[in-house]
Structures are given as C-alpha cells and as structure tokens.
C-alpha cells in the first residue's frame, strides 16, 4: 500500500491528500496517518516558531516543540473524529 500512496501524493498537482489516504487515516491506519502528519508537518512547524532565549539571554527564532506536538496531536484527533 505504501508505494501506491506515495505515487498518488506525487501525482496530485494541487497538493491535496488523496481521498483513500484520508479514508485510511480516519479508520486508524498508521501508515496513512503518518502521511497526513508529514503532509502538514511544515505548516505545523511554521505555526510553532517562537522567539526563544538561550541561557546567555540571546534571542533567536526556534521551534517550540510543545506547541508542535500539540498541533500534531490535535490533527490526529481531528482526522480520527472526522465523519466521512
């Protein structure tokens, strides 16, 4: 199934997830859920960027791992709860 899924994602010109992947993720298929999470990974990373401070007081932009983990959990919960 994994080879078919990758082909479907690569061939989709609009960047949308194919329905069979969404359906499989909704039914709890781990490989399909992994594809959904990877599809939205960069978006969740951009949403979790924060101005952070190191131990010397220097400010820098970095990923707040707690926020990214929460976004990922919420995405997975939403996919599983969605009524198809």
Protein backbone atom coordinates (compact mmCIF):
# COMPACT_ATOMS: atom_id res chain seq x y z
CA UNK A 1 0.00 0.00 0.00
CA UNK A 2 2.85 2.40 0.75
CA UNK A 3 4.11 2.53 -2.86
CA UNK A 4 0.63 3.31 -4.14
CA UNK A 5 0.20 6.05 -1.56
CA UNK A 6 3.48 7.76 -2.50
CA UNK A 7 2.57 7.65 -6.20
CA UNK A 8 -0.83 9.20 -5.52
CA UNK A 9 0.70 12.03 -3.49
CA UNK A 10 3.35 12.80 -6.11
CA UNK A 11 0.79 12.87 -8.93
CA UNK A 12 -1.59 15.24 -7.17
CA UNK A 13 -0.86 18.63 -8.73
CA UNK A 14 -2.91 20.69 -6.28
CA UNK A 15 -1.10 19.42 -3.18
CA UNK A 16 -4.20 17.81 -1.70
CA UNK A 17 -4.16 14.45 0.01
CA UNK A 18 -5.93 11.74 -1.99
CA UNK A 19 -9.24 10.54 -0.57
CA UNK A 20 -8.04 6.93 0.01
CA UNK A 21 -5.31 8.22 2.33
CA UNK A 22 -7.74 10.38 4.28
CA UNK A 23 -10.18 7.48 4.49
CA UNK A 24 -7.48 5.07 5.72
CA UNK A 25 -6.19 7.56 8.29
CA UNK A 26 -9.75 8.11 9.51
CA UNK A 27 -10.08 4.36 10.04
CA UNK A 28 -6.85 4.28 12.09
CA UNK A 29 -4.33 3.02 9.51
CA UNK A 30 -0.92 4.03 10.96
CA UNK A 31 0.86 4.46 7.60
CA UNK A 32 -1.89 6.71 6.28
CA UNK A 33 -1.90 8.78 9.47
CA UNK A 34 1.86 9.17 9.15
CA UNK A 35 1.39 10.52 5.62
CA UNK A 36 -1.24 13.00 6.81
CA UNK A 37 1.06 14.23 9.60
CA UNK A 38 4.00 14.53 7.18
CA UNK A 39 1.82 16.41 4.69
CA UNK A 40 1.04 19.08 7.28
CA UNK A 41 4.44 18.90 9.02
CA UNK A 42 5.97 22.06 7.57
CA UNK A 43 2.79 24.04 8.26
CA UNK A 44 2.73 22.88 11.89
CA UNK A 45 6.42 23.74 12.20
CA UNK A 46 5.84 27.26 10.89
CA UNK A 47 2.96 27.73 13.34
CA UNK A 48 5.18 26.62 16.22
CA UNK A 49 8.02 29.10 15.56
CA UNK A 50 8.64 31.34 18.54
CA UNK A 51 11.20 33.85 19.69
CA UNK A 52 13.25 31.97 22.26
CA UNK A 53 16.00 32.96 24.65
CA UNK A 54 19.09 30.91 25.48
CA UNK A 55 20.89 30.70 28.84
CA UNK A 56 23.02 33.76 27.97
CA UNK A 57 19.97 35.88 27.22
CA UNK A 58 20.39 35.84 23.44
CA UNK A 59 17.15 35.90 21.48
CA UNK A 60 16.64 33.66 18.46
CA UNK A 61 13.84 32.08 16.46
CA UNK A 62 13.22 28.41 17.10
CA UNK A 63 10.60 25.70 17.13
CA UNK A 64 8.56 25.34 20.29
CA UNK A 65 8.40 21.55 20.45
CA UNK A 66 5.48 21.59 22.89
CA UNK A 67 3.33 23.61 20.51
CA UNK A 68 4.31 21.42 17.54
CA UNK A 69 3.46 18.26 19.49
CA UNK A 70 0.10 19.72 20.50
CA UNK A 71 -0.70 20.66 16.91
CA UNK A 72 0.22 17.16 15.74
CA UNK A 73 -1.95 15.56 18.42
CA UNK A 74 -4.89 17.79 17.56
CA UNK A 75 -4.53 16.97 13.85
CA UNK A 76 -4.53 13.25 14.57
CA UNK A 77 -7.56 13.53 16.88
CA UNK A 78 -9.43 15.55 14.26
CA UNK A 79 -8.68 13.06 11.49
CA UNK A 80 -9.90 10.16 13.61
CA UNK A 81 -13.05 12.02 14.73
CA UNK A 82 -14.00 13.30 11.27
CA UNK A 83 -17.22 11.80 9.92
CA UNK A 84 -16.80 10.63 6.32
